[in-house]
Amino acid sequence: MLTPQGLKGKQFRITGTSYPRLGPPPRRGRRVLMVVGSLLALALIALGGVQVVDIFTGKAKHGAAQACASAHPSGHPAAAGKPLAAPSPGAPASGSAPAGAGASAAPSALGSPLPGVTAAPQPQTVTVNVLNSTDKAGLAKNTADELKKRGFTVGKVGNAPSALQKKVPGSAVLVAGQSGAGGAALLGAQVAGASTMADQRTDGSVDFVIGDGYTALLDPTAAASALAEALKPSPTPSPVPGSC
């Protein structure tokens, strides 16, 4: 061992089996942080274990079911009516209802939408009133003759009421009561772009109101395909996990 000159080496000689500590002594704060971190890690592990147990035991599904039940007190989700088609933008909102199958006037105050149907009646059981709301002469008669060839029972043929004149921009508007929903679906398949409206009549007659966009009826093959597509039940969407 080297010692400074002039000093006795024995006074600075290291003896024994242990060496002096060369680094700073450990701080107490570090130990406290390590203990706190360990406790937090254990708490997170315990929380994760509880959630895994809940998933496998079905407690989460039970809680979701209770939430859905509280959202719908009756126990069943609210069901909305399914209209056959949206009302035409130019169709009026009110008018007088026809008194019978052979008479027709402007649609009455609209009630609930026409219900969806999965079956259509035979054409001969449907009485249709063909009304022309355009300024093109002869449309109502020609359309009525074609519908008669297809088996429909034709009622009134003529001009539409003044409340509908030149106010149907689409191809046609089919107006019927709740009992005429099937007939409206059958007639709606005969013309492309037709819409339906519900009024307060109690019979099964249907008003075929020709609009400005009308040109002709679909050919029978295309009409049959359109009817089959319209009668298909709407698919029920699969519930999203966690939703009511």
Protein backbone atom coordinates (compact mmCIF):
# COMPACT_ATOMS: atom_id res chain seq x y z
CA MET A 1 0.00 0.00 0.00
CA LEU A 2 1.28 3.48 -0.90
CA THR A 3 1.34 6.14 1.81
CA PRO A 4 2.18 9.82 1.56
CA GLN A 5 5.75 10.81 2.24
CA GLY A 6 6.46 11.86 5.77
CA LEU A 7 3.62 9.80 7.25
CA LYS A 8 3.89 6.52 8.89
CA GLY A 9 2.23 3.84 6.85
CA LYS A 10 1.12 1.86 9.85
CA GLN A 11 -1.36 4.55 10.86
CA PHE A 12 -3.20 4.23 7.50
CA ARG A 13 -2.89 0.50 6.97
CA ILE A 14 -6.15 -1.37 6.40
CA THR A 15 -6.52 -4.37 8.60
CA GLY A 16 -9.22 -6.99 9.08
CA THR A 17 -11.43 -8.93 6.63
CA SER A 18 -13.99 -6.17 5.75
CA TYR A 19 -13.59 -3.16 3.51
CA PRO A 20 -15.10 0.25 4.11
CA ARG A 21 -18.30 1.17 2.14
CA LEU A 22 -17.40 3.20 -0.94
CA GLY A 23 -20.99 4.28 -2.01
CA PRO A 24 -23.59 6.38 -0.23
CA PRO A 25 -25.81 4.64 2.33
CA PRO A 26 -29.27 3.49 1.06
CA ARG A 27 -32.09 6.00 1.46
CA ARG A 28 -35.25 5.16 3.31
CA GLY A 29 -37.46 6.82 0.63
CA ARG A 30 -36.52 4.24 -1.96
CA ARG A 31 -37.70 1.43 0.24
CA VAL A 32 -41.02 3.18 0.80
CA LEU A 33 -41.57 3.59 -2.96
CA MET A 34 -40.79 -0.05 -3.56
CA VAL A 35 -43.32 -1.13 -0.93
CA VAL A 36 -46.05 1.17 -2.35
CA GLY A 37 -45.40 -0.07 -5.91
CA SER A 38 -45.66 -3.67 -4.79
CA LEU A 39 -48.99 -2.99 -3.08
CA LEU A 40 -50.41 -1.29 -6.21
CA ALA A 41 -49.32 -4.20 -8.38
CA LEU A 42 -51.02 -6.68 -6.06
CA ALA A 43 -54.22 -4.59 -6.08
CA LEU A 44 -54.34 -4.52 -9.90
CA ILE A 45 -53.79 -8.26 -10.09
CA ALA A 46 -56.62 -8.85 -7.61
CA LEU A 47 -59.00 -6.55 -9.54
CA GLY A 48 -58.27 -8.34 -12.81
CA GLY A 49 -58.92 -11.68 -11.17
CA VAL A 50 -62.34 -10.53 -9.92
CA GLN A 51 -63.35 -9.35 -13.41
CA VAL A 52 -62.31 -12.64 -14.98
CA VAL A 53 -64.38 -14.54 -12.42
CA ASP A 54 -67.42 -12.32 -13.16
CA ILE A 55 -67.13 -13.00 -16.88
CA PHE A 56 -67.03 -16.77 -16.45
CA THR A 57 -69.81 -16.85 -13.87
CA GLY A 58 -72.21 -14.71 -16.00
CA LYS A 59 -72.60 -11.79 -13.59
CA ALA A 60 -71.90 -9.32 -16.41
CA LYS A 61 -74.75 -10.74 -18.52
CA HIS A 62 -77.09 -10.59 -15.55
CA GLY A 63 -76.26 -6.92 -15.01
CA ALA A 64 -76.86 -6.13 -18.70
CA ALA A 65 -80.23 -7.88 -18.58
CA GLN A 66 -81.27 -5.81 -15.56
CA ALA A 67 -80.22 -2.63 -17.38
CA CYS A 68 -82.32 -3.59 -20.42
CA ALA A 69 -85.29 -4.39 -18.19
CA SER A 70 -85.08 -0.97 -16.58
CA ALA A 71 -84.89 0.69 -20.00
CA HIS A 72 -88.04 -1.19 -21.11
CA PRO A 73 -90.36 -1.53 -18.07
CA SER A 74 -92.70 -3.86 -19.94
CA GLY A 75 -89.92 -6.39 -20.39
CA HIS A 76 -90.04 -6.18 -24.19
CA PRO A 77 -88.42 -3.61 -26.50
CA ALA A 78 -90.80 -1.13 -28.07
CA ALA A 79 -91.85 -2.27 -31.54
CA ALA A 80 -92.28 0.24 -34.33
CA GLY A 81 -94.79 -0.10 -37.15
CA LYS A 82 -93.40 -0.96 -40.58
CA PRO A 83 -94.85 1.17 -43.39
CA LEU A 84 -94.98 -0.31 -46.87
CA ALA A 85 -93.24 2.78 -48.25
CA ALA A 86 -92.61 6.40 -47.37
CA PRO A 87 -95.31 8.90 -48.40
CA SER A 88 -94.63 10.80 -51.57
CA PRO A 89 -93.16 14.28 -50.96
CA GLY A 90 -96.01 15.86 -52.92
CA ALA A 91 -98.83 13.93 -51.28
CA PRO A 92 -101.30 15.95 -49.17
CA ALA A 93 -101.68 15.38 -45.47
CA SER A 94 -105.46 15.52 -45.25
CA GLY A 95 -108.70 15.21 -47.21
CA SER A 96 -111.98 13.28 -47.19
CA ALA A 97 -112.07 9.48 -47.13
CA PRO A 98 -114.04 7.51 -49.76
CA ALA A 99 -117.38 6.22 -48.66
CA GLY A 100 -117.06 2.81 -50.31
CA ALA A 101 -115.14 0.59 -52.67
CA GLY A 102 -116.49 2.26 -55.81
CA ALA A 103 -116.10 5.87 -54.71
CA SER A 104 -112.96 7.85 -54.04
CA ALA A 105 -111.90 11.32 -52.97
CA ALA A 106 -108.82 13.00 -51.52
CA PRO A 107 -107.06 10.99 -48.79
CA SER A 108 -108.34 11.61 -45.30
CA ALA A 109 -106.24 12.65 -42.31
CA LEU A 110 -103.40 10.16 -42.13
CA GLY A 111 -103.38 7.75 -39.22
CA SER A 112 -100.89 5.01 -38.46
CA PRO A 113 -98.74 3.69 -41.34
CA LEU A 114 -99.98 0.74 -43.33
CA PRO A 115 -98.82 -2.48 -41.67
CA GLY A 116 -96.25 -4.65 -43.35
CA VAL A 117 -97.62 -7.77 -45.02
CA THR A 118 -96.10 -11.12 -45.97
CA ALA A 119 -98.96 -12.27 -48.22
CA ALA A 120 -100.98 -10.51 -50.91
CA PRO A 121 -104.62 -11.14 -51.90
CA GLN A 122 -105.75 -12.29 -55.33
CA PRO A 123 -106.11 -9.41 -57.82
CA GLN A 124 -109.85 -10.01 -58.34
CA THR A 125 -110.50 -9.35 -54.65
CA VAL A 126 -108.91 -5.89 -54.81
CA THR A 127 -111.03 -2.96 -55.96
CA VAL A 128 -108.82 -0.22 -57.37
CA ASN A 129 -109.87 3.35 -58.17
CA VAL A 130 -107.59 4.76 -60.89
CA LEU A 131 -107.19 8.53 -60.61
CA ASN A 132 -105.12 10.80 -62.81
CA SER A 133 -103.44 13.76 -61.06
CA THR A 134 -101.51 14.88 -64.16
CA ASP A 135 -102.50 16.96 -67.20
CA LYS A 136 -101.92 13.99 -69.56
CA ALA A 137 -105.25 12.85 -70.92
CA GLY A 138 -106.14 9.16 -71.07
CA LEU A 139 -103.69 7.89 -68.42
CA ALA A 140 -106.39 6.77 -65.99
CA LYS A 141 -108.38 4.85 -68.61
CA ASN A 142 -105.35 3.15 -70.16
CA THR A 143 -104.01 2.15 -66.74
CA ALA A 144 -107.43 0.89 -65.61
CA ASP A 145 -107.73 -1.26 -68.75
CA GLU A 146 -104.30 -2.78 -68.12
CA LEU A 147 -105.11 -3.48 -64.46
CA LYS A 148 -108.38 -5.12 -65.50
CA LYS A 149 -106.43 -7.44 -67.84
CA ARG A 150 -104.29 -8.44 -64.84
CA GLY A 151 -107.37 -9.48 -62.90
CA PHE A 152 -108.01 -6.42 -60.70
CA THR A 153 -111.54 -5.17 -60.05
CA VAL A 154 -111.66 -1.60 -61.31
CA GLY A 155 -113.87 0.90 -59.50
CA LYS A 156 -113.85 4.59 -60.27
CA VAL A 157 -111.78 5.88 -63.19
CA GLY A 158 -111.19 9.59 -63.70
CA ASN A 159 -109.31 12.64 -62.57
CA ALA A 160 -107.92 12.95 -59.06
CA PRO A 161 -109.50 15.47 -56.67
CA SER A 162 -108.28 19.04 -56.90
CA ALA A 163 -106.30 18.58 -53.67
CA LEU A 164 -104.09 16.09 -55.54
CA GLN A 165 -103.91 17.65 -58.97
CA LYS A 166 -100.26 18.06 -60.07
CA LYS A 167 -99.08 17.36 -56.52
CA VAL A 168 -97.81 13.80 -56.96
CA PRO A 169 -94.25 14.09 -58.33
CA GLY A 170 -93.52 10.34 -58.18
CA SER A 171 -94.90 7.59 -60.37
CA ALA A 172 -97.97 6.91 -58.19
CA VAL A 173 -99.40 7.08 -54.70
CA LEU A 174 -101.46 4.17 -53.38
CA VAL A 175 -103.99 5.21 -50.74
CA ALA A 176 -105.72 2.57 -48.61
CA GLY A 177 -107.03 1.85 -45.14
CA GLN A 178 -105.59 -0.65 -42.69
CA SER A 179 -107.59 -3.51 -44.24
CA GLY A 180 -106.28 -2.64 -47.70
CA ALA A 181 -102.58 -3.03 -46.86
CA GLY A 182 -102.32 -6.30 -48.80
CA GLY A 183 -104.02 -4.82 -51.86
CA ALA A 184 -101.74 -1.78 -51.71
CA ALA A 185 -98.70 -4.07 -51.64
CA LEU A 186 -100.02 -5.99 -54.64
CA LEU A 187 -100.68 -2.80 -56.61
CA GLY A 188 -97.37 -1.26 -55.53
CA ALA A 189 -95.55 -4.11 -57.25
CA GLN A 190 -97.20 -3.19 -60.57
CA VAL A 191 -95.46 0.17 -60.90
CA ALA A 192 -91.91 1.23 -60.12
CA GLY A 193 -91.37 3.97 -57.54
CA ALA A 194 -94.89 3.95 -56.04
CA SER A 195 -95.44 5.02 -52.45
CA THR A 196 -98.29 4.24 -50.04
CA MET A 197 -100.39 6.30 -47.66
CA ALA A 198 -102.92 5.28 -45.02
CA ASP A 199 -106.32 6.89 -44.59
CA GLN A 200 -109.42 6.16 -42.51
CA ARG A 201 -111.46 4.06 -44.92
CA THR A 202 -112.72 0.77 -43.54
CA ASP A 203 -113.00 -1.28 -46.76
CA GLY A 204 -110.21 -2.94 -48.71
CA SER A 205 -110.28 -0.62 -51.74
CA VAL A 206 -107.13 1.11 -52.96
CA ASP A 207 -106.78 4.44 -54.79
CA PHE A 208 -104.17 4.31 -57.57
CA VAL A 209 -103.28 8.00 -57.96
CA ILE A 210 -101.11 8.50 -61.05
CA GLY A 211 -98.28 10.99 -60.57
CA ASP A 212 -96.13 13.11 -62.88
CA GLY A 213 -93.38 10.45 -62.99
CA TYR A 214 -95.68 7.70 -64.27
CA THR A 215 -95.03 6.16 -67.69
CA ALA A 216 -96.51 2.65 -67.65
CA LEU A 217 -97.03 -0.43 -65.51
CA LEU A 218 -94.21 -2.94 -65.14
CA ASP A 219 -94.47 -6.03 -67.31
CA PRO A 220 -96.07 -8.99 -65.48
CA THR A 221 -92.74 -10.80 -64.97
CA ALA A 222 -91.08 -7.76 -63.39
CA ALA A 223 -94.21 -7.11 -61.31
CA ALA A 224 -94.14 -10.68 -59.95
CA SER A 225 -90.48 -10.30 -58.98
CA ALA A 226 -91.17 -6.95 -57.29
CA LEU A 227 -94.08 -8.48 -55.34
CA ALA A 228 -91.96 -11.41 -54.14
CA GLU A 229 -89.28 -8.97 -52.95
CA ALA A 230 -91.84 -6.75 -51.19
CA LEU A 231 -93.38 -9.69 -49.31
CA LYS A 232 -90.07 -10.88 -47.87
CA PRO A 233 -90.05 -10.40 -44.07
CA SER A 234 -87.52 -7.88 -42.84
CA PRO A 235 -84.51 -9.64 -41.24
CA THR A 236 -84.15 -9.18 -37.50
CA PRO A 237 -80.69 -7.78 -36.73
CA SER A 238 -78.56 -9.76 -34.30
CA PRO A 239 -78.18 -7.99 -30.95
CA VAL A 240 -74.80 -6.45 -30.30
CA PRO A 241 -73.14 -7.90 -27.19
CA GLY A 242 -73.77 -5.61 -24.25
CA SER A 243 -76.72 -3.85 -25.91
CA CYS A 244 -80.42 -4.19 -25.17
